[in-house]
């Protein structure tokens, strides 16, 4: 019983720590600010409902919008990851999305668990995902 209780305590502590990290992460890195600019400019230029910008582990950046057609649906996270993977990335540092919130941040986190992932809403408020 004591081991089971300590496992529960450890799991709870990890959940709380992850929630705290999400609240504390802010787009304060100048390189992440560039991603915000790229994502918002792409959204405005394309007229899409979502846009995302990604920086890989070498500093290269990629942008994409959501895709919605009868045969293919990708949110902006999935689309920008696809573009980056097609270019041969081996890691991701950060991703920023804007417009309608993409639903599949797991696409990014599944490939790069330590990547920072942000969503910027229409009021400019940011959320770490």
N, C-alpha and C. Protein backbone atom coordinates (compact mmCIF):
# COMPACT_ATOMS: atom_id res chain seq x y z
N UNK A 1 0.83 -1.19 0.00
CA UNK A 1 0.00 0.00 0.00
C UNK A 1 0.87 1.26 0.00
N UNK A 2 1.96 1.23 0.76
CA UNK A 2 2.84 2.40 0.82
C UNK A 2 3.48 2.67 -0.54
N UNK A 3 3.91 1.61 -1.27
CA UNK A 3 4.49 1.81 -2.60
C UNK A 3 3.45 2.35 -3.58
N UNK A 4 2.24 1.84 -3.51
CA UNK A 4 1.18 2.33 -4.39
C UNK A 4 0.87 3.80 -4.11
N UNK A 5 0.87 4.16 -2.85
CA UNK A 5 0.61 5.55 -2.49
C UNK A 5 1.72 6.46 -2.99
N UNK A 6 2.95 6.02 -2.86
CA UNK A 6 4.06 6.86 -3.33
C UNK A 6 4.05 6.97 -4.85
N UNK A 7 3.62 5.93 -5.58
CA UNK A 7 3.50 6.02 -7.03
C UNK A 7 2.44 7.05 -7.42
N UNK A 8 1.34 7.06 -6.70
CA UNK A 8 0.28 8.03 -6.95
C UNK A 8 0.80 9.43 -6.66
N UNK A 9 1.54 9.58 -5.56
CA UNK A 9 2.09 10.89 -5.22
C UNK A 9 3.06 11.38 -6.30
N UNK A 10 3.89 10.49 -6.81
CA UNK A 10 4.84 10.86 -7.86
C UNK A 10 4.09 11.26 -9.13
N UNK A 11 3.08 10.49 -9.50
CA UNK A 11 2.31 10.80 -10.70
C UNK A 11 1.59 12.14 -10.56
N UNK A 12 1.02 12.39 -9.39
CA UNK A 12 0.35 13.66 -9.14
C UNK A 12 1.33 14.82 -9.22
N UNK A 13 2.50 14.63 -8.64
CA UNK A 13 3.52 15.68 -8.67
C UNK A 13 3.94 15.98 -10.11
N UNK A 14 4.08 14.93 -10.94
CA UNK A 14 4.45 15.13 -12.34
C UNK A 14 3.37 15.88 -13.09
N UNK A 15 2.12 15.54 -12.85
CA UNK A 15 1.01 16.24 -13.49
C UNK A 15 0.98 17.71 -13.10
N UNK A 16 1.18 18.00 -11.83
CA UNK A 16 1.19 19.38 -11.36
C UNK A 16 2.36 20.16 -11.95
N UNK A 17 3.52 19.52 -12.02
CA UNK A 17 4.70 20.18 -12.59
C UNK A 17 4.49 20.49 -14.06
N UNK A 18 3.92 19.56 -14.81
CA UNK A 18 3.65 19.81 -16.22
C UNK A 18 2.64 20.94 -16.40
N UNK A 19 1.61 20.98 -15.56
CA UNK A 19 0.63 22.07 -15.64
C UNK A 19 1.29 23.41 -15.32
N UNK A 20 2.16 23.44 -14.35
CA UNK A 20 2.87 24.67 -13.98
C UNK A 20 3.78 25.11 -15.12
N UNK A 21 4.49 24.19 -15.73
CA UNK A 21 5.36 24.53 -16.87
C UNK A 21 4.55 25.18 -17.98
N UNK A 22 3.38 24.60 -18.29
CA UNK A 22 2.55 25.16 -19.36
C UNK A 22 2.13 26.58 -19.04
N UNK A 23 1.84 26.87 -17.78
CA UNK A 23 1.43 28.23 -17.40
C UNK A 23 2.59 29.20 -17.41
N UNK A 24 3.79 28.73 -17.08
CA UNK A 24 4.94 29.62 -16.98
C UNK A 24 5.60 29.90 -18.32
N UNK A 25 5.46 29.00 -19.28
CA UNK A 25 6.10 29.20 -20.58
C UNK A 25 5.46 30.40 -21.27
N UNK A 26 6.27 31.30 -21.71
CA UNK A 26 5.80 32.47 -22.44
C UNK A 26 6.67 32.65 -23.68
N UNK A 27 6.11 33.29 -24.67
CA UNK A 27 6.87 33.59 -25.87
C UNK A 27 7.74 34.80 -25.55
N UNK A 28 8.87 34.57 -24.89
CA UNK A 28 9.76 35.67 -24.56
C UNK A 28 11.13 35.54 -25.24
N UNK A 29 11.32 34.47 -25.94
CA UNK A 29 12.54 34.25 -26.70
C UNK A 29 12.41 35.02 -28.02
N UNK A 30 13.41 35.83 -28.39
CA UNK A 30 13.32 36.58 -29.65
C UNK A 30 13.11 35.66 -30.86
N UNK A 31 13.67 34.47 -30.82
CA UNK A 31 13.48 33.53 -31.93
C UNK A 31 12.03 33.05 -32.00
N UNK A 32 11.40 32.89 -30.83
CA UNK A 32 9.99 32.51 -30.81
C UNK A 32 9.11 33.67 -31.27
N UNK A 33 9.52 34.91 -30.98
CA UNK A 33 8.79 36.07 -31.47
C UNK A 33 8.80 36.10 -33.00
N UNK A 34 9.91 35.67 -33.60
CA UNK A 34 9.97 35.59 -35.06
C UNK A 34 8.95 34.58 -35.58
N UNK A 35 8.78 33.47 -34.85
CA UNK A 35 7.78 32.48 -35.24
C UNK A 35 6.37 33.06 -35.17
N UNK A 36 6.12 33.89 -34.15
CA UNK A 36 4.82 34.55 -34.04
C UNK A 36 4.59 35.42 -35.27
N UNK A 37 5.60 36.19 -35.66
CA UNK A 37 5.49 37.05 -36.84
C UNK A 37 5.24 36.23 -38.10
N UNK A 38 5.98 35.14 -38.26
CA UNK A 38 5.80 34.29 -39.44
C UNK A 38 4.40 33.68 -39.48
N UNK A 39 3.94 33.17 -38.35
CA UNK A 39 2.62 32.52 -38.31
C UNK A 39 1.50 33.52 -38.57
N UNK A 40 1.57 34.68 -37.92
CA UNK A 40 0.50 35.67 -38.10
C UNK A 40 0.51 36.25 -39.52
N UNK A 41 1.70 36.47 -40.10
CA UNK A 41 1.77 36.97 -41.48
C UNK A 41 1.24 35.93 -42.46
N UNK A 42 1.55 34.67 -42.21
CA UNK A 42 1.06 33.60 -43.08
C UNK A 42 -0.45 33.50 -42.99
N UNK A 43 -0.99 33.63 -41.80
CA UNK A 43 -2.45 33.59 -41.61
C UNK A 43 -3.11 34.74 -42.37
N UNK A 44 -2.57 35.93 -42.22
CA UNK A 44 -3.15 37.11 -42.87
C UNK A 44 -3.04 37.01 -44.40
N UNK A 45 -1.89 36.57 -44.88
CA UNK A 45 -1.66 36.50 -46.32
C UNK A 45 -2.51 35.42 -46.98
N UNK A 46 -2.69 34.30 -46.28
CA UNK A 46 -3.37 33.14 -46.89
C UNK A 46 -4.88 33.18 -46.77
N UNK A 47 -5.38 33.86 -45.74
CA UNK A 47 -6.81 33.84 -45.49
C UNK A 47 -7.29 32.51 -44.91
N UNK A 48 -6.37 31.66 -44.49
CA UNK A 48 -6.71 30.37 -43.90
C UNK A 48 -7.29 30.56 -42.51
N UNK A 49 -7.77 29.50 -41.91
CA UNK A 49 -8.30 29.59 -40.55
C UNK A 49 -7.23 29.34 -39.50
N UNK A 50 -6.13 28.70 -39.89
CA UNK A 50 -5.02 28.42 -38.97
C UNK A 50 -3.71 28.58 -39.73
N UNK A 51 -2.67 28.95 -38.97
CA UNK A 51 -1.32 28.96 -39.52
C UNK A 51 -0.36 28.57 -38.41
N UNK A 52 0.76 27.98 -38.78
CA UNK A 52 1.77 27.61 -37.80
C UNK A 52 3.15 27.85 -38.38
N UNK A 53 4.07 28.20 -37.50
CA UNK A 53 5.47 28.36 -37.87
C UNK A 53 6.30 27.47 -36.94
N UNK A 54 7.29 26.82 -37.50
CA UNK A 54 8.11 25.85 -36.76
C UNK A 54 9.58 26.19 -36.95
N UNK A 55 10.37 26.09 -35.88
CA UNK A 55 11.83 26.23 -35.96
C UNK A 55 12.44 24.89 -35.60
N UNK A 56 13.29 24.38 -36.48
CA UNK A 56 13.91 23.09 -36.20
C UNK A 56 15.16 23.27 -35.34
N UNK A 57 15.83 22.18 -35.05
CA UNK A 57 16.98 22.23 -34.16
C UNK A 57 18.22 22.83 -34.81
N UNK A 58 18.15 23.20 -36.09
CA UNK A 58 19.27 23.90 -36.73
C UNK A 58 18.96 25.37 -36.95
N UNK A 59 17.75 25.81 -36.56
CA UNK A 59 17.37 27.20 -36.71
C UNK A 59 16.57 27.51 -37.96
N UNK A 60 16.38 26.51 -38.84
CA UNK A 60 15.57 26.73 -40.03
C UNK A 60 14.10 26.83 -39.63
N UNK A 61 13.36 27.64 -40.40
CA UNK A 61 11.94 27.83 -40.09
C UNK A 61 11.07 27.35 -41.24
N UNK A 62 9.87 26.95 -40.88
CA UNK A 62 8.89 26.43 -41.83
C UNK A 62 7.54 27.01 -41.45
N UNK A 63 6.69 27.26 -42.43
CA UNK A 63 5.33 27.72 -42.17
C UNK A 63 4.35 26.88 -42.96
N UNK A 64 3.13 26.81 -42.46
CA UNK A 64 2.07 26.08 -43.16
C UNK A 64 0.72 26.55 -42.63
N UNK A 65 -0.30 26.29 -43.42
CA UNK A 65 -1.68 26.56 -43.02
C UNK A 65 -2.42 25.23 -42.91
N UNK A 66 -3.59 25.29 -42.31
CA UNK A 66 -4.41 24.08 -42.27
C UNK A 66 -4.90 23.75 -43.69
N UNK A 67 -5.14 22.48 -43.91
CA UNK A 67 -5.62 21.98 -45.20
C UNK A 67 -6.97 21.31 -44.96
N UNK A 68 -7.96 21.72 -45.73
CA UNK A 68 -9.28 21.12 -45.60
C UNK A 68 -9.85 20.88 -46.99
N UNK A 69 -9.88 19.62 -47.39
CA UNK A 69 -10.43 19.25 -48.69
C UNK A 69 -11.18 17.94 -48.53
N UNK A 70 -11.92 17.54 -49.54
CA UNK A 70 -12.66 16.28 -49.41
C UNK A 70 -11.76 15.07 -49.14
N UNK A 71 -10.52 15.11 -49.62
CA UNK A 71 -9.65 13.94 -49.46
C UNK A 71 -8.54 14.10 -48.44
N UNK A 72 -8.34 15.31 -47.90
CA UNK A 72 -7.24 15.53 -46.95
C UNK A 72 -7.59 16.63 -45.97
N UNK A 73 -7.43 16.34 -44.70
CA UNK A 73 -7.64 17.35 -43.65
C UNK A 73 -6.43 17.33 -42.72
N UNK A 74 -5.75 18.45 -42.63
CA UNK A 74 -4.62 18.60 -41.72
C UNK A 74 -4.79 19.91 -40.97
N UNK A 75 -4.60 19.88 -39.64
CA UNK A 75 -4.58 21.16 -38.94
C UNK A 75 -3.20 21.78 -39.17
N UNK A 76 -3.01 23.00 -38.71
CA UNK A 76 -1.76 23.72 -38.99
C UNK A 76 -0.55 23.03 -38.38
N UNK A 77 -0.70 22.40 -37.20
CA UNK A 77 0.41 21.66 -36.60
C UNK A 77 0.82 20.48 -37.48
N UNK A 78 -0.16 19.73 -37.94
CA UNK A 78 0.13 18.58 -38.80
C UNK A 78 0.76 19.02 -40.11
N UNK A 79 0.25 20.12 -40.68
CA UNK A 79 0.76 20.61 -41.96
C UNK A 79 2.19 21.10 -41.84
N UNK A 80 2.49 21.89 -40.81
CA UNK A 80 3.85 22.42 -40.69
C UNK A 80 4.83 21.29 -40.35
N UNK A 81 4.40 20.31 -39.59
CA UNK A 81 5.27 19.16 -39.31
C UNK A 81 5.54 18.39 -40.61
N UNK A 82 4.54 18.23 -41.44
CA UNK A 82 4.71 17.53 -42.72
C UNK A 82 5.72 18.25 -43.60
N UNK A 83 5.60 19.56 -43.70
CA UNK A 83 6.53 20.36 -44.50
C UNK A 83 7.96 20.21 -43.96
N UNK A 84 8.10 20.32 -42.65
CA UNK A 84 9.42 20.24 -42.03
C UNK A 84 10.03 18.84 -42.20
N UNK A 85 9.22 17.81 -42.00
CA UNK A 85 9.72 16.45 -42.16
C UNK A 85 10.14 16.18 -43.60
N UNK A 86 9.40 16.75 -44.55
CA UNK A 86 9.76 16.58 -45.96
C UNK A 86 11.11 17.22 -46.27
N UNK A 87 11.51 18.19 -45.44
CA UNK A 87 12.81 18.85 -45.62
C UNK A 87 13.92 18.15 -44.86
N UNK A 88 13.57 17.10 -44.13
CA UNK A 88 14.60 16.29 -43.45
C UNK A 88 14.98 16.73 -42.06
N UNK A 89 14.09 17.40 -41.33
CA UNK A 89 14.45 17.82 -39.98
C UNK A 89 14.71 16.61 -39.08
N UNK A 90 15.52 16.86 -38.06
CA UNK A 90 15.80 15.80 -37.07
C UNK A 90 15.33 16.20 -35.68
N UNK A 91 14.90 17.43 -35.52
CA UNK A 91 14.41 17.89 -34.22
C UNK A 91 13.67 19.20 -34.36
N UNK A 92 12.89 19.53 -33.31
CA UNK A 92 12.11 20.76 -33.29
C UNK A 92 12.42 21.50 -32.00
N UNK A 93 12.66 22.80 -32.13
CA UNK A 93 12.84 23.64 -30.94
C UNK A 93 11.52 24.25 -30.50
N UNK A 94 10.77 24.83 -31.45
CA UNK A 94 9.56 25.55 -31.07
C UNK A 94 8.58 25.63 -32.23
N UNK A 95 7.29 25.71 -31.87
CA UNK A 95 6.22 25.87 -32.86
C UNK A 95 5.22 26.87 -32.30
N UNK A 96 4.75 27.77 -33.17
CA UNK A 96 3.72 28.74 -32.80
C UNK A 96 2.59 28.63 -33.79
N UNK A 97 1.36 28.58 -33.29
CA UNK A 97 0.17 28.55 -34.14
C UNK A 97 -0.72 29.74 -33.82
N UNK A 98 -1.47 30.19 -34.82
CA UNK A 98 -2.43 31.27 -34.61
C UNK A 98 -3.66 31.01 -35.46
N UNK A 99 -4.69 31.83 -35.25
CA UNK A 99 -5.96 31.61 -35.91
C UNK A 99 -6.81 30.70 -35.04
N UNK A 100 -7.61 29.85 -35.67
CA UNK A 100 -8.37 28.85 -34.90
C UNK A 100 -7.37 27.88 -34.29
N UNK A 101 -7.59 27.49 -33.05
CA UNK A 101 -6.60 26.64 -32.37
C UNK A 101 -6.54 25.25 -33.01
N UNK A 102 -5.34 24.86 -33.48
CA UNK A 102 -5.18 23.50 -34.00
C UNK A 102 -5.43 22.48 -32.88
N UNK A 103 -5.96 21.35 -33.24
CA UNK A 103 -6.33 20.37 -32.22
C UNK A 103 -5.28 19.31 -31.98
N UNK A 104 -4.31 19.16 -32.88
CA UNK A 104 -3.38 18.05 -32.75
C UNK A 104 -1.96 18.49 -32.39
N UNK A 105 -1.79 19.08 -31.21
CA UNK A 105 -0.43 19.42 -30.76
C UNK A 105 0.37 18.15 -30.49
N UNK A 106 -0.32 17.02 -30.34
CA UNK A 106 0.37 15.74 -30.13
C UNK A 106 1.23 15.38 -31.34
N UNK A 107 0.88 15.88 -32.51
CA UNK A 107 1.70 15.62 -33.69
C UNK A 107 3.11 16.17 -33.47
N UNK A 108 3.19 17.36 -32.89
CA UNK A 108 4.49 17.99 -32.61
C UNK A 108 5.16 17.30 -31.43
N UNK A 109 4.44 17.16 -30.34
CA UNK A 109 5.02 16.59 -29.12
C UNK A 109 5.41 15.12 -29.29
N UNK A 110 4.71 14.41 -30.18
CA UNK A 110 5.08 13.02 -30.45
C UNK A 110 6.43 12.92 -31.14
N UNK A 111 6.73 13.90 -31.98
CA UNK A 111 8.01 13.92 -32.69
C UNK A 111 9.11 14.52 -31.83
N UNK A 112 8.78 15.57 -31.07
CA UNK A 112 9.78 16.30 -30.28
C UNK A 112 9.18 16.66 -28.92
N UNK A 113 9.24 15.74 -27.96
CA UNK A 113 8.61 15.98 -26.65
C UNK A 113 9.09 17.24 -25.93
N UNK A 114 10.31 17.67 -26.18
CA UNK A 114 10.84 18.84 -25.46
C UNK A 114 10.58 20.16 -26.19
N UNK A 115 9.95 20.10 -27.36
CA UNK A 115 9.67 21.33 -28.12
C UNK A 115 8.68 22.20 -27.36
N UNK A 116 8.86 23.52 -27.46
CA UNK A 116 7.86 24.43 -26.91
C UNK A 116 6.81 24.65 -27.98
N UNK A 117 5.56 24.61 -27.56
CA UNK A 117 4.44 24.75 -28.49
C UNK A 117 3.51 25.82 -27.92
N UNK A 118 3.26 26.85 -28.73
CA UNK A 118 2.42 27.97 -28.30
C UNK A 118 1.26 28.16 -29.25
N UNK A 119 0.17 28.65 -28.69
CA UNK A 119 -0.98 29.07 -29.49
C UNK A 119 -1.24 30.54 -29.15
N UNK A 120 -1.40 31.36 -30.18
CA UNK A 120 -1.70 32.78 -30.02
C UNK A 120 -3.13 33.00 -30.52
N UNK A 121 -4.02 33.45 -29.63
CA UNK A 121 -5.41 33.65 -30.06
C UNK A 121 -5.57 35.00 -30.75
N UNK A 122 -6.77 35.31 -31.19
CA UNK A 122 -7.02 36.54 -31.96
C UNK A 122 -6.80 37.81 -31.15
N UNK A 123 -6.78 37.70 -29.82
CA UNK A 123 -6.50 38.86 -28.97
C UNK A 123 -5.02 38.99 -28.66
N UNK A 124 -4.19 38.12 -29.21
CA UNK A 124 -2.76 38.16 -28.95
C UNK A 124 -2.34 37.46 -27.67
N UNK A 125 -3.30 36.80 -27.01
CA UNK A 125 -2.98 36.08 -25.78
C UNK A 125 -2.35 34.75 -26.13
N UNK A 126 -1.32 34.37 -25.42
CA UNK A 126 -0.61 33.14 -25.73
C UNK A 126 -0.91 32.05 -24.70
N UNK A 127 -0.89 30.84 -25.19
CA UNK A 127 -1.09 29.67 -24.35
C UNK A 127 -0.01 28.67 -24.71
N UNK A 128 0.68 28.14 -23.72
CA UNK A 128 1.64 27.07 -23.96
C UNK A 128 0.86 25.76 -23.98
N UNK A 129 1.09 24.97 -25.01
CA UNK A 129 0.38 23.69 -25.14
C UNK A 129 1.29 22.54 -24.79
